N, C-alpha and C. Protein backbone atom coordinates (compact mmCIF):
# COMPACT_ATOMS: atom_id res chain seq x y z
N MET A 1 17.57 28.58 -11.08
CA MET A 1 17.39 29.41 -9.92
C MET A 1 16.57 28.64 -8.89
N TYR A 2 16.80 28.99 -7.62
CA TYR A 2 16.02 28.39 -6.55
C TYR A 2 14.73 29.16 -6.32
N TYR A 3 13.71 28.43 -5.85
CA TYR A 3 12.41 29.02 -5.53
C TYR A 3 11.95 28.47 -4.19
N ALA A 4 11.37 29.35 -3.37
CA ALA A 4 10.78 28.95 -2.10
C ALA A 4 9.30 28.72 -2.33
N ILE A 5 8.85 27.56 -1.89
CA ILE A 5 7.43 27.22 -1.94
C ILE A 5 6.97 27.17 -0.48
N ILE A 6 6.19 28.17 -0.10
CA ILE A 6 5.77 28.36 1.29
C ILE A 6 4.28 28.06 1.36
N SER A 7 3.94 27.03 2.09
CA SER A 7 2.55 26.57 2.13
C SER A 7 1.99 26.70 3.54
N GLU A 8 0.73 27.07 3.63
CA GLU A 8 0.03 27.19 4.91
C GLU A 8 -1.10 26.18 4.94
N ASP A 9 -1.16 25.41 6.01
CA ASP A 9 -2.17 24.36 6.15
C ASP A 9 -3.54 24.92 6.53
N VAL A 10 -4.56 24.16 6.18
CA VAL A 10 -5.90 24.39 6.71
C VAL A 10 -5.88 23.94 8.17
N ASP A 11 -6.87 24.33 8.94
CA ASP A 11 -6.98 23.85 10.31
C ASP A 11 -7.18 22.35 10.32
N ASN A 12 -6.63 21.70 11.33
CA ASN A 12 -6.80 20.25 11.52
C ASN A 12 -6.39 19.44 10.28
N SER A 13 -5.24 19.78 9.73
CA SER A 13 -4.77 19.16 8.48
C SER A 13 -4.11 17.80 8.66
N LEU A 14 -3.82 17.40 9.89
CA LEU A 14 -3.02 16.19 10.11
C LEU A 14 -3.59 14.95 9.43
N PRO A 15 -4.89 14.65 9.52
CA PRO A 15 -5.39 13.47 8.82
C PRO A 15 -5.23 13.56 7.30
N LEU A 16 -5.40 14.75 6.75
CA LEU A 16 -5.21 14.94 5.31
C LEU A 16 -3.75 14.72 4.93
N ARG A 17 -2.85 15.24 5.76
CA ARG A 17 -1.41 15.06 5.51
C ARG A 17 -1.04 13.58 5.52
N GLN A 18 -1.54 12.87 6.52
CA GLN A 18 -1.18 11.46 6.66
C GLN A 18 -1.60 10.65 5.43
N THR A 19 -2.73 10.97 4.87
CA THR A 19 -3.23 10.25 3.69
C THR A 19 -2.37 10.53 2.46
N ALA A 20 -1.99 11.78 2.25
CA ALA A 20 -1.29 12.19 1.04
C ALA A 20 0.23 12.15 1.18
N ARG A 21 0.75 11.90 2.37
CA ARG A 21 2.18 12.01 2.62
C ARG A 21 3.05 11.13 1.72
N PRO A 22 2.74 9.85 1.50
CA PRO A 22 3.62 9.04 0.66
C PRO A 22 3.84 9.64 -0.73
N ALA A 23 2.79 10.11 -1.38
CA ALA A 23 2.93 10.70 -2.72
C ALA A 23 3.68 12.03 -2.65
N HIS A 24 3.44 12.80 -1.59
CA HIS A 24 4.13 14.08 -1.40
C HIS A 24 5.64 13.86 -1.25
N VAL A 25 6.02 12.92 -0.40
CA VAL A 25 7.44 12.63 -0.15
C VAL A 25 8.10 12.05 -1.40
N GLU A 26 7.38 11.25 -2.16
CA GLU A 26 7.93 10.68 -3.40
C GLU A 26 8.36 11.79 -4.36
N ARG A 27 7.55 12.84 -4.49
CA ARG A 27 7.90 13.96 -5.38
C ARG A 27 9.15 14.68 -4.87
N LEU A 28 9.25 14.83 -3.55
CA LEU A 28 10.43 15.47 -2.97
C LEU A 28 11.67 14.62 -3.19
N GLN A 29 11.53 13.31 -3.06
CA GLN A 29 12.65 12.40 -3.30
C GLN A 29 13.14 12.50 -4.75
N GLN A 30 12.21 12.71 -5.66
CA GLN A 30 12.59 12.87 -7.07
C GLN A 30 13.43 14.13 -7.26
N LEU A 31 12.99 15.24 -6.65
CA LEU A 31 13.80 16.48 -6.72
C LEU A 31 15.18 16.25 -6.13
N LYS A 32 15.24 15.54 -5.01
CA LYS A 32 16.53 15.25 -4.36
C LYS A 32 17.41 14.43 -5.29
N ALA A 33 16.85 13.38 -5.89
CA ALA A 33 17.61 12.52 -6.79
C ALA A 33 18.16 13.29 -7.99
N GLU A 34 17.43 14.32 -8.41
CA GLU A 34 17.86 15.16 -9.52
C GLU A 34 18.84 16.25 -9.09
N GLY A 35 19.15 16.32 -7.80
CA GLY A 35 20.08 17.32 -7.27
C GLY A 35 19.49 18.72 -7.23
N ARG A 36 18.17 18.83 -7.18
CA ARG A 36 17.51 20.14 -7.24
C ARG A 36 16.92 20.59 -5.91
N LEU A 37 16.92 19.73 -4.90
CA LEU A 37 16.29 20.06 -3.62
C LEU A 37 17.32 20.62 -2.65
N LEU A 38 17.08 21.83 -2.16
CA LEU A 38 17.95 22.44 -1.16
C LEU A 38 17.49 22.06 0.24
N VAL A 39 16.20 22.20 0.50
CA VAL A 39 15.65 21.88 1.82
C VAL A 39 14.14 21.70 1.69
N ALA A 40 13.59 20.86 2.56
CA ALA A 40 12.13 20.68 2.57
C ALA A 40 11.72 20.19 3.95
N GLY A 41 10.58 20.64 4.40
CA GLY A 41 10.05 20.15 5.67
C GLY A 41 8.83 20.91 6.12
N PRO A 42 8.14 20.34 7.12
CA PRO A 42 6.95 20.97 7.64
C PRO A 42 7.26 21.93 8.79
N HIS A 43 6.29 22.79 9.08
CA HIS A 43 6.35 23.68 10.23
C HIS A 43 5.48 23.08 11.33
N PRO A 44 6.07 22.57 12.42
CA PRO A 44 5.25 22.04 13.50
C PRO A 44 4.32 23.12 14.05
N ALA A 45 3.12 22.71 14.41
CA ALA A 45 2.12 23.65 14.91
C ALA A 45 2.45 24.15 16.32
N ILE A 46 3.30 23.40 17.04
CA ILE A 46 3.75 23.81 18.36
C ILE A 46 5.27 23.73 18.38
N ASP A 47 5.87 24.32 19.40
CA ASP A 47 7.32 24.46 19.48
C ASP A 47 8.01 23.16 19.93
N THR A 48 7.98 22.17 19.04
CA THR A 48 8.64 20.90 19.29
C THR A 48 8.85 20.20 17.95
N ALA A 49 9.89 19.38 17.89
CA ALA A 49 10.17 18.66 16.64
C ALA A 49 9.10 17.63 16.32
N ASP A 50 8.46 17.07 17.36
CA ASP A 50 7.40 16.07 17.16
C ASP A 50 6.11 16.60 17.77
N PRO A 51 5.29 17.28 16.97
CA PRO A 51 4.10 17.92 17.53
C PRO A 51 2.94 16.97 17.81
N GLY A 52 3.08 15.69 17.50
CA GLY A 52 2.01 14.74 17.77
C GLY A 52 0.70 15.16 17.13
N ASP A 53 -0.38 15.08 17.89
CA ASP A 53 -1.71 15.39 17.37
C ASP A 53 -1.89 16.86 17.02
N ALA A 54 -0.99 17.73 17.50
CA ALA A 54 -1.09 19.16 17.15
C ALA A 54 -0.84 19.36 15.66
N GLY A 55 -0.06 18.46 15.07
CA GLY A 55 0.18 18.50 13.63
C GLY A 55 1.09 19.63 13.18
N PHE A 56 0.80 20.12 11.99
CA PHE A 56 1.67 21.09 11.34
C PHE A 56 0.86 22.27 10.83
N SER A 57 1.54 23.40 10.71
CA SER A 57 0.86 24.62 10.24
C SER A 57 1.19 24.95 8.79
N GLY A 58 2.12 24.22 8.21
CA GLY A 58 2.50 24.49 6.82
C GLY A 58 3.79 23.76 6.47
N SER A 59 4.35 24.14 5.32
CA SER A 59 5.56 23.50 4.83
C SER A 59 6.43 24.50 4.07
N LEU A 60 7.71 24.15 3.96
CA LEU A 60 8.64 24.93 3.16
C LEU A 60 9.42 23.98 2.26
N VAL A 61 9.48 24.30 0.99
CA VAL A 61 10.32 23.58 0.03
C VAL A 61 11.15 24.64 -0.68
N VAL A 62 12.46 24.45 -0.72
CA VAL A 62 13.33 25.31 -1.51
C VAL A 62 14.03 24.39 -2.51
N ALA A 63 13.76 24.63 -3.78
CA ALA A 63 14.28 23.75 -4.83
C ALA A 63 14.57 24.55 -6.09
N GLU A 64 15.36 23.94 -6.95
CA GLU A 64 15.77 24.58 -8.20
C GLU A 64 14.80 24.22 -9.32
N PHE A 65 14.37 25.25 -10.04
CA PHE A 65 13.49 25.09 -11.20
C PHE A 65 14.00 26.01 -12.31
N ASP A 66 13.55 25.75 -13.53
CA ASP A 66 13.96 26.56 -14.67
C ASP A 66 13.36 27.96 -14.66
N SER A 67 12.20 28.11 -13.99
CA SER A 67 11.52 29.40 -14.00
C SER A 67 10.50 29.44 -12.87
N LEU A 68 9.99 30.63 -12.61
CA LEU A 68 8.92 30.79 -11.63
C LEU A 68 7.69 29.99 -12.06
N ASP A 69 7.38 30.02 -13.35
CA ASP A 69 6.24 29.26 -13.85
C ASP A 69 6.42 27.76 -13.61
N ALA A 70 7.62 27.26 -13.80
CA ALA A 70 7.88 25.83 -13.57
C ALA A 70 7.76 25.49 -12.09
N ALA A 71 8.24 26.37 -11.23
CA ALA A 71 8.12 26.15 -9.78
C ALA A 71 6.65 26.18 -9.36
N GLN A 72 5.89 27.11 -9.92
CA GLN A 72 4.47 27.21 -9.59
C GLN A 72 3.72 25.97 -10.06
N ALA A 73 4.05 25.49 -11.25
CA ALA A 73 3.41 24.29 -11.77
C ALA A 73 3.71 23.08 -10.88
N TRP A 74 4.96 22.98 -10.43
CA TRP A 74 5.33 21.88 -9.53
C TRP A 74 4.53 21.99 -8.24
N ALA A 75 4.47 23.18 -7.67
CA ALA A 75 3.72 23.38 -6.42
C ALA A 75 2.24 23.06 -6.61
N ASP A 76 1.68 23.46 -7.73
CA ASP A 76 0.26 23.21 -8.01
C ASP A 76 -0.04 21.71 -8.10
N GLY A 77 0.97 20.91 -8.47
CA GLY A 77 0.79 19.48 -8.61
C GLY A 77 1.06 18.68 -7.34
N ASP A 78 1.32 19.36 -6.24
CA ASP A 78 1.63 18.68 -4.98
C ASP A 78 0.42 17.88 -4.51
N PRO A 79 0.60 16.62 -4.13
CA PRO A 79 -0.52 15.83 -3.60
C PRO A 79 -1.20 16.47 -2.39
N TYR A 80 -0.46 17.25 -1.62
CA TYR A 80 -1.09 17.96 -0.50
C TYR A 80 -2.10 18.99 -0.99
N VAL A 81 -1.86 19.58 -2.14
CA VAL A 81 -2.83 20.51 -2.73
C VAL A 81 -4.10 19.75 -3.09
N ASP A 82 -3.93 18.63 -3.78
CA ASP A 82 -5.07 17.82 -4.20
C ASP A 82 -5.86 17.29 -3.00
N ALA A 83 -5.16 17.01 -1.88
CA ALA A 83 -5.81 16.46 -0.70
C ALA A 83 -6.47 17.53 0.17
N GLY A 84 -6.25 18.80 -0.16
CA GLY A 84 -6.85 19.88 0.62
C GLY A 84 -6.08 20.24 1.88
N VAL A 85 -4.79 19.84 1.96
CA VAL A 85 -3.96 20.16 3.12
C VAL A 85 -3.69 21.65 3.21
N TYR A 86 -3.42 22.27 2.08
CA TYR A 86 -3.00 23.67 2.07
C TYR A 86 -4.15 24.62 1.79
N GLN A 87 -4.18 25.72 2.56
CA GLN A 87 -5.13 26.79 2.28
C GLN A 87 -4.49 27.88 1.42
N LYS A 88 -3.15 27.93 1.43
CA LYS A 88 -2.44 28.95 0.66
C LYS A 88 -1.06 28.44 0.31
N VAL A 89 -0.63 28.69 -0.92
CA VAL A 89 0.72 28.33 -1.37
C VAL A 89 1.31 29.55 -2.08
N THR A 90 2.48 29.97 -1.61
CA THR A 90 3.19 31.10 -2.20
C THR A 90 4.49 30.58 -2.80
N VAL A 91 4.76 30.96 -4.03
CA VAL A 91 6.01 30.56 -4.70
C VAL A 91 6.74 31.84 -5.08
N LYS A 92 8.02 31.92 -4.66
CA LYS A 92 8.82 33.10 -4.99
C LYS A 92 10.29 32.74 -5.17
N PRO A 93 10.99 33.55 -5.95
CA PRO A 93 12.42 33.31 -6.15
C PRO A 93 13.15 33.34 -4.80
N PHE A 94 14.23 32.55 -4.72
CA PHE A 94 15.02 32.43 -3.49
C PHE A 94 16.49 32.48 -3.88
N LYS A 95 17.22 33.38 -3.24
CA LYS A 95 18.66 33.51 -3.50
C LYS A 95 19.43 32.90 -2.34
N VAL A 96 20.19 31.87 -2.61
CA VAL A 96 21.02 31.24 -1.58
C VAL A 96 22.22 32.14 -1.30
N VAL A 97 22.39 32.54 -0.05
CA VAL A 97 23.52 33.37 0.34
C VAL A 97 24.45 32.58 1.27
N LEU A 98 23.91 31.88 2.23
CA LEU A 98 24.68 31.09 3.18
C LEU A 98 24.06 29.71 3.30
N PRO A 99 24.71 28.70 3.63
CA PRO A 99 26.14 28.63 3.89
C PRO A 99 26.93 28.63 2.61
């Protein structure tokens, strides 16, 4: 089943993101290589694809896991969590309807 991992950043998270980004992206690449990643990306803090110094307000990952517990464990192990990027992470089941 798919699970949505919805994360909200702390204020001024951009420097923290930049430090932890390589390890964060590596984990996402692994999900992709396993055919389990539906979509992943950050939420720009302002209404533009490249927010520059404004940074990001959070992230969304939708990926396939064996269970809610497995999805939560994966989210808990995110390098952004360890780096203090996120103030809140919500994991919930996701049903793909379209496309």
